[in-house]
Protein backbone atom coordinates (compact mmCIF):
# COMPACT_ATOMS: atom_id res chain seq x y z
CA UNK A 1 84.13 84.58 140.50
CA UNK A 2 87.13 86.84 140.86
CA UNK A 3 85.91 90.08 142.30
CA UNK A 4 87.64 93.39 142.27
CA UNK A 5 86.23 96.82 141.64
CA UNK A 6 88.00 97.01 138.26
CA UNK A 7 86.73 93.58 137.17
CA UNK A 8 83.25 94.34 138.46
CA UNK A 9 83.19 97.51 136.36
CA UNK A 10 84.28 95.61 133.23
CA UNK A 11 81.73 92.88 133.92
CA UNK A 12 78.89 95.39 134.37
CA UNK A 13 79.79 97.21 131.15
CA UNK A 14 80.00 93.96 129.16
CA UNK A 15 76.72 92.70 130.64
CA UNK A 16 74.92 95.93 129.75
CA UNK A 17 76.24 95.78 126.19
CA UNK A 18 75.38 92.08 125.86
CA UNK A 19 71.72 92.86 126.58
CA UNK A 20 71.72 94.82 123.31
CA UNK A 21 73.50 92.22 121.19
CA UNK A 22 72.01 91.65 117.77
CA UNK A 23 72.33 87.89 117.29
CA UNK A 24 69.16 86.73 115.49
CA UNK A 25 71.00 84.03 113.50
CA UNK A 26 73.22 82.34 116.07
CA UNK A 27 71.33 83.32 119.21
CA UNK A 28 74.79 83.69 120.82
CA UNK A 29 74.88 87.10 122.48
CA UNK A 30 78.30 88.43 123.46
CA UNK A 31 79.30 91.57 125.31
CA UNK A 32 82.83 92.91 125.67
CA UNK A 33 84.38 95.69 127.69
CA UNK A 34 87.82 97.18 127.21
CA UNK A 35 89.64 99.22 129.84
CA UNK A 36 91.97 101.68 128.16
CA UNK A 37 95.26 102.69 129.76
CA UNK A 38 93.54 105.88 130.94
CA UNK A 39 91.06 103.80 132.94
CA UNK A 40 88.10 104.61 130.67
CA UNK A 41 85.88 101.62 129.86
CA UNK A 42 84.41 101.04 126.40
CA UNK A 43 81.88 98.30 125.69
CA UNK A 44 80.03 96.76 122.77
CA UNK A 45 77.97 93.76 121.74
CA UNK A 46 78.22 91.44 118.79
CA UNK A 47 76.24 92.44 115.71
CA UNK A 48 75.24 89.78 113.17
CA UNK A 49 73.64 90.22 109.79
CA UNK A 50 72.12 88.05 107.08
CA UNK A 51 75.49 87.85 105.30
CA UNK A 52 76.47 85.76 108.32
CA UNK A 53 80.27 85.90 108.22
CA UNK A 54 80.25 89.69 107.92
CA UNK A 55 79.08 90.32 111.48
CA UNK A 56 81.08 92.20 114.09
CA UNK A 57 82.49 90.66 117.25
CA UNK A 58 81.83 92.44 120.53
CA UNK A 59 85.56 92.85 121.08
CA UNK A 60 85.96 94.59 117.73
CA UNK A 61 83.16 97.01 118.59
CA UNK A 62 84.63 97.85 121.99
CA UNK A 63 88.06 98.41 120.45
CA UNK A 64 86.55 100.62 117.74
CA UNK A 65 84.79 102.72 120.41
CA UNK A 66 88.09 103.04 122.27
CA UNK A 67 89.91 104.18 119.13
CA UNK A 68 87.09 106.61 118.24
CA UNK A 69 87.67 108.21 121.66
CA UNK A 70 91.35 108.66 120.76
CA UNK A 71 92.59 105.95 123.14
CA UNK A 72 95.27 103.56 121.88
CA UNK A 73 96.23 101.15 124.69
CA UNK A 74 94.22 98.25 126.16
CA UNK A 75 94.95 97.53 129.81
CA UNK A 76 92.31 94.77 130.15
CA UNK A 77 89.44 93.22 128.25
CA UNK A 78 86.49 91.14 129.44
CA UNK A 79 84.35 88.99 127.14
CA UNK A 80 80.96 87.85 128.44
CA UNK A 81 78.84 85.08 126.93
CA UNK A 82 76.72 82.18 128.10
CA UNK A 83 78.91 79.28 126.98
CA UNK A 84 79.83 75.95 128.51
CA UNK A 85 83.56 76.75 128.33
CA UNK A 86 85.28 80.07 129.03
CA UNK A 87 85.08 82.12 125.84
CA UNK A 88 88.31 83.62 124.56
CA UNK A 89 88.64 86.02 121.61
CA UNK A 90 88.61 84.60 118.09
CA UNK A 91 91.78 84.80 116.00
CA UNK A 92 90.78 88.02 114.26
CA UNK A 93 90.03 89.69 117.60
CA UNK A 94 93.32 88.47 119.04
CA UNK A 95 95.03 90.32 116.20
CA UNK A 96 92.92 93.43 116.92
CA UNK A 97 93.76 93.27 120.62
CA UNK A 98 97.47 92.84 119.85
CA UNK A 99 97.49 96.09 117.92
CA UNK A 100 96.61 97.96 121.13
CA UNK A 101 97.70 95.58 123.91
CA UNK A 102 100.10 96.58 126.65
CA UNK A 103 102.74 94.10 127.89
CA UNK A 104 100.55 93.16 130.87
CA UNK A 105 97.10 93.27 129.22
CA UNK A 106 94.77 90.75 130.85
CA UNK A 107 91.95 88.91 129.08
CA UNK A 108 89.02 87.92 131.26
CA UNK A 109 86.37 85.44 130.16
CA UNK A 110 83.03 85.61 131.94
CA UNK A 111 79.69 83.88 131.99
CA UNK A 112 76.49 85.33 133.44
CA UNK A 113 77.65 84.31 136.94
CA UNK A 114 80.97 86.10 136.78
CA UNK A 115 84.56 85.82 135.64
CA UNK A 116 85.56 82.24 134.80
CA UNK A 117 89.12 82.62 133.52
CA UNK A 118 91.78 85.31 133.35
CA UNK A 119 94.94 85.02 131.27
CA UNK A 120 97.70 87.33 130.15
CA UNK A 121 97.15 88.30 126.52
CA UNK A 122 100.68 87.15 125.62
CA UNK A 123 99.62 83.62 126.59
CA UNK A 124 96.74 83.73 124.08
CA UNK A 125 98.82 85.20 121.27
CA UNK A 126 102.42 84.13 121.86
CA UNK A 127 103.89 84.70 118.38
CA UNK A 128 101.99 87.63 116.89
CA UNK A 129 102.26 89.30 113.54
CA UNK A 130 102.68 93.01 114.08
CA UNK A 131 104.37 96.24 113.09
CA UNK A 132 107.86 94.80 113.58
CA UNK A 133 107.12 92.27 110.83
CA UNK A 134 106.45 95.08 108.38
CA UNK A 135 109.76 96.89 108.87
C-alpha cells in the first residue's frame, strides 16, 4: 500500500462512505473520495435502486458534493471497492472527472487493504470530449 498522509486521508474518507453504500442489488459497495484543489475532501458511496441502471456511482456523488460546496477542480480521487482487480472509474465517471480534472490529477484505486494502483487521469482518458469540442 502506498502511504502518505494525503492518500491516507482519501482512503479513510472513501472507506467511511463505503460503509454506507446502498447496494442491495449488486452487493458491490463502492466508496470514493475527491480532494479538491483547495485540499478539502468530499466523499460518497454508490447508491443503487430497483431501476438498476439508474443508480449513482460513488465518484459521481463525491463530485456532486464537491460542486455543491462551490469547488471546481479535482486534485486527486480515490475509489475503494473489494474487487479482484484494481477498480478504475467507469466511462461516465471518467467524463465527469474530466470536467473538473487538473493536468496532474491522480486516480487511486484501493481495496480494503489499501491503495493498489495510482495513475494519472490523462492516462485513463487520453482523448477526451470536452468544452473545446463544443466551440
